[in-house]
């Protein structure tokens, strides 16, 4: 059991180290290229779709195929990933890109057509999905 928790911790550490870099690159692409071409709303959707795809692919690449953790441990890992990603995204967008916190929080409102909550949900279930895929 200690081996499983250590492998999950290393996987989470990889995620928390790589996610800020991915977030900075995607936000930079959005601000420099997507907003001038597509506008704010469409750029947000493209940014979220890119983020979802990249998080899933990187999680798959860093997954340990020998790891067979209980689903509860994988879901807890996903919740930790979602919390880390929200905090990292808020920090990156607020500090580096000077976005207002209200605007950052609005990006998580699905009633306004924003995909932030869907992205967090995908990040939350990604460890379990990746382990299901790699275990077969």
C-alpha atoms as a PDB file:
ATOM      1  CA  UNK A   1       0.000   0.000   0.000  1.00  0.00           C
ATOM      2  CA  UNK A   2       2.883   2.374   0.714  1.00  0.00           C
ATOM      3  CA  UNK A   3       4.206   1.760  -2.804  1.00  0.00           C
ATOM      4  CA  UNK A   4       0.864   2.725  -4.309  1.00  0.00           C
ATOM      5  CA  UNK A   5       0.635   5.945  -2.338  1.00  0.00           C
ATOM      6  CA  UNK A   6       4.227   6.849  -3.258  1.00  0.00           C
ATOM      7  CA  UNK A   7       3.518   6.260  -6.960  1.00  0.00           C
ATOM      8  CA  UNK A   8       0.343   8.354  -6.724  1.00  0.00           C
ATOM      9  CA  UNK A   9       2.294  11.095  -4.950  1.00  0.00           C
ATOM     10  CA  UNK A  10       4.950  11.101  -7.683  1.00  0.00           C
ATOM     11  CA  UNK A  11       2.263  11.189 -10.380  1.00  0.00           C
ATOM     12  CA  UNK A  12       0.599  14.126  -8.587  1.00  0.00           C
ATOM     13  CA  UNK A  13       3.939  15.880  -8.253  1.00  0.00           C
ATOM     14  CA  UNK A  14       4.509  15.510 -12.016  1.00  0.00           C
ATOM     15  CA  UNK A  15       1.081  17.016 -12.624  1.00  0.00           C
ATOM     16  CA  UNK A  16       1.651  19.936 -10.233  1.00  0.00           C
ATOM     17  CA  UNK A  17       5.045  20.695 -11.778  1.00  0.00           C
ATOM     18  CA  UNK A  18       3.967  20.470 -15.414  1.00  0.00           C
ATOM     19  CA  UNK A  19       0.510  22.075 -15.135  1.00  0.00           C
ATOM     20  CA  UNK A  20       1.798  25.631 -14.467  1.00  0.00           C
ATOM     21  CA  UNK A  21       3.982  25.458 -17.561  1.00  0.00           C
ATOM     22  CA  UNK A  22       1.065  24.196 -19.655  1.00  0.00           C
ATOM     23  CA  UNK A  23      -1.217  26.889 -18.207  1.00  0.00           C
ATOM     24  CA  UNK A  24       1.287  29.669 -18.944  1.00  0.00           C
ATOM     25  CA  UNK A  25       1.784  28.477 -22.528  1.00  0.00           C
ATOM     26  CA  UNK A  26      -1.941  28.057 -23.219  1.00  0.00           C
ATOM     27  CA  UNK A  27      -2.811  31.420 -21.636  1.00  0.00           C
ATOM     28  CA  UNK A  28      -0.051  33.086 -23.634  1.00  0.00           C
ATOM     29  CA  UNK A  29      -1.340  31.535 -26.852  1.00  0.00           C
ATOM     30  CA  UNK A  30      -4.869  32.639 -25.982  1.00  0.00           C
ATOM     31  CA  UNK A  31      -3.848  36.229 -25.246  1.00  0.00           C
ATOM     32  CA  UNK A  32      -1.429  36.602 -28.154  1.00  0.00           C
ATOM     33  CA  UNK A  33      -3.156  34.707 -30.957  1.00  0.00           C
ATOM     34  CA  UNK A  34      -6.647  33.442 -30.166  1.00  0.00           C
ATOM     35  CA  UNK A  35      -8.314  36.571 -28.750  1.00  0.00           C
ATOM     36  CA  UNK A  36      -7.326  38.805 -31.703  1.00  0.00           C
ATOM     37  CA  UNK A  37      -8.599  36.212 -34.179  1.00  0.00           C
ATOM     38  CA  UNK A  38     -11.637  34.643 -32.477  1.00  0.00           C
ATOM     39  CA  UNK A  39     -12.632  37.073 -29.734  1.00  0.00           C
ATOM     40  CA  UNK A  40     -12.874  36.497 -25.984  1.00  0.00           C
ATOM     41  CA  UNK A  41     -15.688  33.921 -25.816  1.00  0.00           C
ATOM     42  CA  UNK A  42     -14.490  31.599 -28.573  1.00  0.00           C
ATOM     43  CA  UNK A  43     -10.908  31.921 -27.325  1.00  0.00           C
ATOM     44  CA  UNK A  44     -12.026  30.778 -23.888  1.00  0.00           C
ATOM     45  CA  UNK A  45     -13.670  27.681 -25.352  1.00  0.00           C
ATOM     46  CA  UNK A  46     -10.610  26.854 -27.460  1.00  0.00           C
ATOM     47  CA  UNK A  47      -8.351  27.408 -24.435  1.00  0.00           C
ATOM     48  CA  UNK A  48     -10.412  25.026 -22.284  1.00  0.00           C
ATOM     49  CA  UNK A  49     -10.552  22.341 -24.971  1.00  0.00           C
ATOM     50  CA  UNK A  50      -6.781  22.556 -25.438  1.00  0.00           C
ATOM     51  CA  UNK A  51      -6.286  22.356 -21.692  1.00  0.00           C
ATOM     52  CA  UNK A  52      -8.510  19.282 -21.368  1.00  0.00           C
ATOM     53  CA  UNK A  53      -6.735  17.471 -24.199  1.00  0.00           C
ATOM     54  CA  UNK A  54      -3.245  18.321 -22.972  1.00  0.00           C
ATOM     55  CA  UNK A  55      -3.993  17.362 -19.351  1.00  0.00           C
ATOM     56  CA  UNK A  56      -5.386  14.006 -20.428  1.00  0.00           C
ATOM     57  CA  UNK A  57      -2.494  13.287 -22.803  1.00  0.00           C
ATOM     58  CA  UNK A  58       0.185  14.276 -20.301  1.00  0.00           C
ATOM     59  CA  UNK A  59      -1.515  12.236 -17.598  1.00  0.00           C
ATOM     60  CA  UNK A  60      -1.539   9.260 -19.921  1.00  0.00           C
ATOM     61  CA  UNK A  61       2.138   9.724 -20.787  1.00  0.00           C
ATOM     62  CA  UNK A  62       3.205   9.978 -17.133  1.00  0.00           C
ATOM     63  CA  UNK A  63       0.963   7.153 -15.923  1.00  0.00           C
ATOM     64  CA  UNK A  64       2.633   4.121 -14.411  1.00  0.00           C
ATOM     65  CA  UNK A  65       1.026   1.058 -16.041  1.00  0.00           C
ATOM     66  CA  UNK A  66       2.021  -1.080 -13.032  1.00  0.00           C
ATOM     67  CA  UNK A  67       0.020   1.116 -10.662  1.00  0.00           C
ATOM     68  CA  UNK A  68      -3.211  -0.534  -9.600  1.00  0.00           C
ATOM     69  CA  UNK A  69      -4.687   1.776  -7.000  1.00  0.00           C
ATOM     70  CA  UNK A  70      -8.214   1.622  -5.631  1.00  0.00           C
ATOM     71  CA  UNK A  71     -10.701   3.843  -7.407  1.00  0.00           C
ATOM     72  CA  UNK A  72     -11.190   5.920  -4.243  1.00  0.00           C
ATOM     73  CA  UNK A  73      -7.466   6.736  -4.136  1.00  0.00           C
ATOM     74  CA  UNK A  74      -7.538   7.705  -7.807  1.00  0.00           C
ATOM     75  CA  UNK A  75     -10.560   9.954  -7.304  1.00  0.00           C
ATOM     76  CA  UNK A  76      -8.900  11.604  -4.286  1.00  0.00           C
ATOM     77  CA  UNK A  77      -5.831  12.143  -6.441  1.00  0.00           C
ATOM     78  CA  UNK A  78      -8.072  13.724  -9.077  1.00  0.00           C
ATOM     79  CA  UNK A  79      -9.649  16.025  -6.494  1.00  0.00           C
ATOM     80  CA  UNK A  80      -6.161  17.108  -5.428  1.00  0.00           C
ATOM     81  CA  UNK A  81      -5.281  17.709  -9.098  1.00  0.00           C
ATOM     82  CA  UNK A  82      -8.426  19.807  -9.582  1.00  0.00           C
ATOM     83  CA  UNK A  83      -7.683  21.930  -6.508  1.00  0.00           C
ATOM     84  CA  UNK A  84      -4.064  22.395  -7.587  1.00  0.00           C
ATOM     85  CA  UNK A  85      -5.070  23.292 -11.138  1.00  0.00           C
ATOM     86  CA  UNK A  86      -7.601  25.880  -9.953  1.00  0.00           C
ATOM     87  CA  UNK A  87      -5.079  27.506  -7.618  1.00  0.00           C
ATOM     88  CA  UNK A  88      -2.319  27.440 -10.227  1.00  0.00           C
ATOM     89  CA  UNK A  89      -4.609  28.840 -12.914  1.00  0.00           C
ATOM     90  CA  UNK A  90      -5.814  31.633 -10.643  1.00  0.00           C
ATOM     91  CA  UNK A  91      -2.232  32.496  -9.731  1.00  0.00           C
ATOM     92  CA  UNK A  92      -0.938  32.383 -13.306  1.00  0.00           C
ATOM     93  CA  UNK A  93      -3.789  34.392 -14.790  1.00  0.00           C
ATOM     94  CA  UNK A  94      -3.953  36.935 -11.973  1.00  0.00           C
ATOM     95  CA  UNK A  95      -0.229  37.510 -11.418  1.00  0.00           C
ATOM     96  CA  UNK A  96       1.316  36.890 -14.838  1.00  0.00           C
ATOM     97  CA  UNK A  97      -1.486  37.969 -17.166  1.00  0.00           C
ATOM     98  CA  UNK A  98      -3.068  40.595 -14.887  1.00  0.00           C
ATOM     99  CA  UNK A  99      -6.614  39.256 -15.206  1.00  0.00           C
ATOM    100  CA  UNK A 100      -9.118  40.314 -12.558  1.00  0.00           C
ATOM    101  CA  UNK A 101     -10.098  37.623 -10.046  1.00  0.00           C
ATOM    102  CA  UNK A 102     -13.774  38.161 -10.841  1.00  0.00           C
ATOM    103  CA  UNK A 103     -13.083  37.370 -14.489  1.00  0.00           C
ATOM    104  CA  UNK A 104     -11.120  34.258 -13.497  1.00  0.00           C
ATOM    105  CA  UNK A 105     -13.962  33.052 -11.262  1.00  0.00           C
ATOM    106  CA  UNK A 106     -16.529  33.768 -13.994  1.00  0.00           C
ATOM    107  CA  UNK A 107     -14.642  31.380 -16.275  1.00  0.00           C
ATOM    108  CA  UNK A 108     -15.954  28.601 -14.005  1.00  0.00           C
ATOM    109  CA  UNK A 109     -19.619  29.575 -14.349  1.00  0.00           C
ATOM    110  CA  UNK A 110     -21.338  27.055 -16.641  1.00  0.00           C
ATOM    111  CA  UNK A 111     -24.506  29.186 -16.728  1.00  0.00           C
ATOM    112  CA  UNK A 112     -22.567  31.763 -18.755  1.00  0.00           C
ATOM    113  CA  UNK A 113     -21.344  29.109 -21.188  1.00  0.00           C
ATOM    114  CA  UNK A 114     -17.888  28.796 -19.665  1.00  0.00           C
ATOM    115  CA  UNK A 115     -16.125  25.455 -19.503  1.00  0.00           C
ATOM    116  CA  UNK A 116     -14.071  25.890 -16.321  1.00  0.00           C
ATOM    117  CA  UNK A 117     -16.170  23.506 -14.211  1.00  0.00           C
ATOM    118  CA  UNK A 118     -16.171  20.904 -16.965  1.00  0.00           C
ATOM    119  CA  UNK A 119     -12.392  21.198 -17.160  1.00  0.00           C
ATOM    120  CA  UNK A 120     -12.083  20.719 -13.394  1.00  0.00           C
ATOM    121  CA  UNK A 121     -14.394  17.701 -13.547  1.00  0.00           C
ATOM    122  CA  UNK A 122     -12.302  16.159 -16.321  1.00  0.00           C
ATOM    123  CA  UNK A 123      -9.131  16.809 -14.337  1.00  0.00           C
ATOM    124  CA  UNK A 124     -10.790  15.208 -11.309  1.00  0.00           C
ATOM    125  CA  UNK A 125     -11.653  11.963 -13.123  1.00  0.00           C
ATOM    126  CA  UNK A 126      -8.506  11.838 -15.283  1.00  0.00           C
ATOM    127  CA  UNK A 127      -6.435   9.645 -12.906  1.00  0.00           C
ATOM    128  CA  UNK A 128      -9.200   7.038 -12.747  1.00  0.00           C
ATOM    129  CA  UNK A 129      -9.800   7.150 -16.515  1.00  0.00           C
ATOM    130  CA  UNK A 130      -6.095   6.885 -17.311  1.00  0.00           C
ATOM    131  CA  UNK A 131      -5.656   3.927 -14.957  1.00  0.00           C
ATOM    132  CA  UNK A 132      -8.650   2.185 -16.537  1.00  0.00           C
ATOM    133  CA  UNK A 133      -7.136   2.697 -19.985  1.00  0.00           C
ATOM    134  CA  UNK A 134      -3.577   1.704 -19.081  1.00  0.00           C
ATOM    135  CA  UNK A 135      -4.563  -1.333 -16.993  1.00  0.00           C
ATOM    136  CA  UNK A 136      -5.994  -3.166 -20.013  1.00  0.00           C
END
